[in-house]
Amino acid sequence: MSDALIQLFAEILQIDPTDLNEDSSPDNLKQWDSLASMELVAAIEEKFKVKLSTKEIMKMSTIGRARKVLQGKSVAA
């Protein structure tokens, strides 16, 4: 099964999607630095056609939390 959010994170972070899970975060992925965070926000907004507020962006500290933010915007991610 393809997971669009995991695939997006894997593409931006340039790592294998099998190395990612709902708990993946900047704390456990060296590739997820401040520049990658900005790239991820831009990619998420483009891919899922949403606009994220600063508050929503700050909540997205893991892939799972990013998914919850998107689900709160009625996006199936």
N, C-alpha and C. Protein backbone atom coordinates (compact mmCIF):
# COMPACT_ATOMS: atom_id res chain seq x y z
N MET A 1 0.85 -1.19 0.00
CA MET A 1 0.00 0.00 0.00
C MET A 1 0.88 1.24 0.00
N SER A 2 0.53 2.18 -0.82
CA SER A 2 1.30 3.42 -0.91
C SER A 2 0.74 4.46 0.06
N ASP A 3 1.62 5.08 0.82
CA ASP A 3 1.24 6.10 1.77
C ASP A 3 1.81 7.42 1.24
N ALA A 4 0.93 8.29 0.76
CA ALA A 4 1.37 9.53 0.11
C ALA A 4 2.21 10.41 1.03
N LEU A 5 1.85 10.47 2.30
CA LEU A 5 2.60 11.32 3.23
C LEU A 5 4.00 10.75 3.49
N ILE A 6 4.07 9.46 3.73
CA ILE A 6 5.38 8.81 3.93
C ILE A 6 6.24 8.98 2.67
N GLN A 7 5.64 8.78 1.51
CA GLN A 7 6.38 8.93 0.25
C GLN A 7 6.92 10.35 0.10
N LEU A 8 6.12 11.34 0.47
CA LEU A 8 6.54 12.74 0.38
C LEU A 8 7.72 13.01 1.32
N PHE A 9 7.61 12.56 2.55
CA PHE A 9 8.70 12.73 3.50
C PHE A 9 9.96 12.03 3.00
N ALA A 10 9.82 10.82 2.46
CA ALA A 10 10.97 10.07 1.95
C ALA A 10 11.64 10.82 0.80
N GLU A 11 10.83 11.40 -0.07
CA GLU A 11 11.37 12.14 -1.21
C GLU A 11 12.14 13.38 -0.74
N ILE A 12 11.55 14.16 0.14
CA ILE A 12 12.19 15.39 0.61
C ILE A 12 13.43 15.07 1.45
N LEU A 13 13.33 14.07 2.30
CA LEU A 13 14.45 13.73 3.18
C LEU A 13 15.48 12.84 2.50
N GLN A 14 15.14 12.38 1.31
CA GLN A 14 16.02 11.51 0.52
C GLN A 14 16.43 10.25 1.28
N ILE A 15 15.41 9.58 1.81
CA ILE A 15 15.64 8.31 2.49
C ILE A 15 14.58 7.30 2.05
N ASP A 16 14.84 6.06 2.33
CA ASP A 16 13.92 4.99 1.95
C ASP A 16 12.63 5.11 2.79
N PRO A 17 11.48 5.03 2.14
CA PRO A 17 10.22 5.15 2.89
C PRO A 17 10.06 4.08 3.97
N THR A 18 10.72 2.94 3.81
CA THR A 18 10.61 1.89 4.84
C THR A 18 11.33 2.28 6.12
N ASP A 19 12.16 3.31 6.05
CA ASP A 19 12.86 3.80 7.25
C ASP A 19 12.02 4.82 8.02
N LEU A 20 10.82 5.11 7.53
CA LEU A 20 9.96 6.11 8.15
C LEU A 20 8.74 5.46 8.78
N ASN A 21 8.23 6.09 9.85
CA ASN A 21 7.00 5.64 10.49
C ASN A 21 6.33 6.84 11.15
N GLU A 22 5.24 6.62 11.81
CA GLU A 22 4.48 7.71 12.42
C GLU A 22 5.27 8.47 13.48
N ASP A 23 6.27 7.83 14.06
CA ASP A 23 7.07 8.46 15.11
C ASP A 23 8.33 9.13 14.59
N SER A 24 8.57 9.06 13.29
CA SER A 24 9.76 9.70 12.72
C SER A 24 9.69 11.20 12.97
N SER A 25 10.84 11.77 13.36
CA SER A 25 10.88 13.19 13.73
C SER A 25 12.29 13.73 13.54
N PRO A 26 12.46 15.05 13.70
CA PRO A 26 13.81 15.62 13.64
C PRO A 26 14.73 15.04 14.72
N ASP A 27 14.15 14.52 15.80
CA ASP A 27 14.94 13.96 16.89
C ASP A 27 15.58 12.62 16.53
N ASN A 28 14.97 11.89 15.59
CA ASN A 28 15.51 10.57 15.25
C ASN A 28 15.91 10.41 13.78
N LEU A 29 15.84 11.53 13.03
CA LEU A 29 16.28 11.52 11.63
C LEU A 29 17.22 12.69 11.39
N LYS A 30 18.48 12.40 11.16
CA LYS A 30 19.45 13.49 10.95
C LYS A 30 19.13 14.29 9.69
N GLN A 31 18.45 13.68 8.72
CA GLN A 31 18.11 14.37 7.48
C GLN A 31 17.03 15.45 7.69
N TRP A 32 16.27 15.33 8.77
CA TRP A 32 15.16 16.24 9.02
C TRP A 32 15.69 17.43 9.83
N ASP A 33 16.35 18.34 9.13
CA ASP A 33 16.89 19.54 9.77
C ASP A 33 15.97 20.73 9.48
N SER A 34 16.40 21.93 9.85
CA SER A 34 15.53 23.10 9.69
C SER A 34 15.21 23.39 8.23
N LEU A 35 16.18 23.21 7.35
CA LEU A 35 15.93 23.42 5.92
C LEU A 35 14.94 22.38 5.40
N ALA A 36 15.13 21.14 5.79
CA ALA A 36 14.20 20.09 5.37
C ALA A 36 12.79 20.37 5.89
N SER A 37 12.68 20.92 7.09
CA SER A 37 11.36 21.26 7.65
C SER A 37 10.65 22.27 6.75
N MET A 38 11.37 23.27 6.29
CA MET A 38 10.77 24.27 5.40
C MET A 38 10.37 23.63 4.08
N GLU A 39 11.22 22.76 3.55
CA GLU A 39 10.90 22.07 2.31
C GLU A 39 9.69 21.15 2.48
N LEU A 40 9.60 20.49 3.62
CA LEU A 40 8.47 19.61 3.89
C LEU A 40 7.16 20.39 3.94
N VAL A 41 7.17 21.54 4.60
CA VAL A 41 5.95 22.35 4.68
C VAL A 41 5.50 22.76 3.29
N ALA A 42 6.43 23.26 2.48
CA ALA A 42 6.09 23.68 1.12
C ALA A 42 5.56 22.50 0.30
N ALA A 43 6.20 21.35 0.43
CA ALA A 43 5.79 20.16 -0.33
C ALA A 43 4.41 19.67 0.12
N ILE A 44 4.17 19.68 1.44
CA ILE A 44 2.87 19.25 1.96
C ILE A 44 1.77 20.18 1.46
N GLU A 45 2.01 21.49 1.52
CA GLU A 45 1.00 22.44 1.06
C GLU A 45 0.70 22.24 -0.42
N GLU A 46 1.73 22.00 -1.21
CA GLU A 46 1.53 21.81 -2.65
C GLU A 46 0.85 20.48 -2.95
N LYS A 47 1.34 19.41 -2.38
CA LYS A 47 0.83 18.07 -2.66
C LYS A 47 -0.63 17.91 -2.22
N PHE A 48 -0.96 18.42 -1.04
CA PHE A 48 -2.29 18.21 -0.49
C PHE A 48 -3.21 19.43 -0.66
N LYS A 49 -2.72 20.44 -1.37
CA LYS A 49 -3.53 21.63 -1.69
C LYS A 49 -4.14 22.27 -0.44
N VAL A 50 -3.26 22.52 0.55
CA VAL A 50 -3.69 23.15 1.80
C VAL A 50 -2.76 24.32 2.12
N LYS A 51 -3.22 25.19 2.98
CA LYS A 51 -2.41 26.27 3.52
C LYS A 51 -2.29 26.01 5.01
N LEU A 52 -1.06 25.90 5.50
CA LEU A 52 -0.83 25.61 6.91
C LEU A 52 -0.50 26.88 7.68
N SER A 53 -1.11 27.03 8.83
CA SER A 53 -0.81 28.17 9.70
C SER A 53 0.48 27.87 10.46
N THR A 54 1.06 28.90 11.04
CA THR A 54 2.26 28.71 11.85
C THR A 54 1.98 27.74 12.99
N LYS A 55 0.83 27.86 13.61
CA LYS A 55 0.46 26.97 14.72
C LYS A 55 0.40 25.51 14.24
N GLU A 56 -0.19 25.28 13.07
CA GLU A 56 -0.28 23.92 12.53
C GLU A 56 1.12 23.38 12.21
N ILE A 57 1.95 24.22 11.64
CA ILE A 57 3.32 23.81 11.29
C ILE A 57 4.08 23.41 12.56
N MET A 58 3.92 24.18 13.61
CA MET A 58 4.63 23.90 14.86
C MET A 58 4.16 22.57 15.48
N LYS A 59 2.93 22.17 15.22
CA LYS A 59 2.40 20.92 15.75
C LYS A 59 2.99 19.70 15.04
N MET A 60 3.51 19.89 13.84
CA MET A 60 3.94 18.76 13.01
C MET A 60 5.36 18.31 13.35
N SER A 61 5.53 17.83 14.57
CA SER A 61 6.86 17.42 15.04
C SER A 61 7.19 15.96 14.73
N THR A 62 6.21 15.22 14.26
CA THR A 62 6.43 13.84 13.79
C THR A 62 5.57 13.64 12.55
N ILE A 63 5.82 12.57 11.83
CA ILE A 63 4.98 12.28 10.67
C ILE A 63 3.54 12.03 11.12
N GLY A 64 3.36 11.35 12.22
CA GLY A 64 2.02 11.09 12.74
C GLY A 64 1.27 12.37 13.08
N ARG A 65 1.97 13.32 13.67
CA ARG A 65 1.33 14.59 14.00
C ARG A 65 1.03 15.40 12.75
N ALA A 66 1.90 15.30 11.74
CA ALA A 66 1.62 15.96 10.46
C ALA A 66 0.35 15.37 9.85
N ARG A 67 0.22 14.05 9.95
CA ARG A 67 -0.98 13.39 9.41
C ARG A 67 -2.23 13.88 10.14
N LYS A 68 -2.15 14.03 11.47
CA LYS A 68 -3.30 14.51 12.25
C LYS A 68 -3.68 15.94 11.85
N VAL A 69 -2.69 16.78 11.62
CA VAL A 69 -2.97 18.15 11.18
C VAL A 69 -3.70 18.12 9.84
N LEU A 70 -3.23 17.30 8.93
CA LEU A 70 -3.88 17.19 7.62
C LEU A 70 -5.28 16.60 7.74
N GLN A 71 -5.46 15.61 8.58
CA GLN A 71 -6.80 15.03 8.78
C GLN A 71 -7.75 16.07 9.36
N GLY A 72 -7.22 16.96 10.21
CA GLY A 72 -8.02 18.05 10.76
C GLY A 72 -8.46 19.05 9.71
N LYS A 73 -7.77 19.05 8.57
CA LYS A 73 -8.14 19.89 7.44
C LYS A 73 -8.91 19.09 6.39
N SER A 74 -9.41 17.92 6.79
CA SER A 74 -10.18 17.02 5.93
C SER A 74 -9.38 16.53 4.73
N VAL A 75 -8.09 16.31 4.96
CA VAL A 75 -7.22 15.76 3.92
C VAL A 75 -6.89 14.33 4.30
N ALA A 76 -7.15 13.41 3.39
CA ALA A 76 -6.80 12.00 3.63
C ALA A 76 -5.33 11.82 3.33
N ALA A 77 -4.53 11.80 4.39
CA ALA A 77 -3.07 11.67 4.22
C ALA A 77 -2.57 10.48 5.00
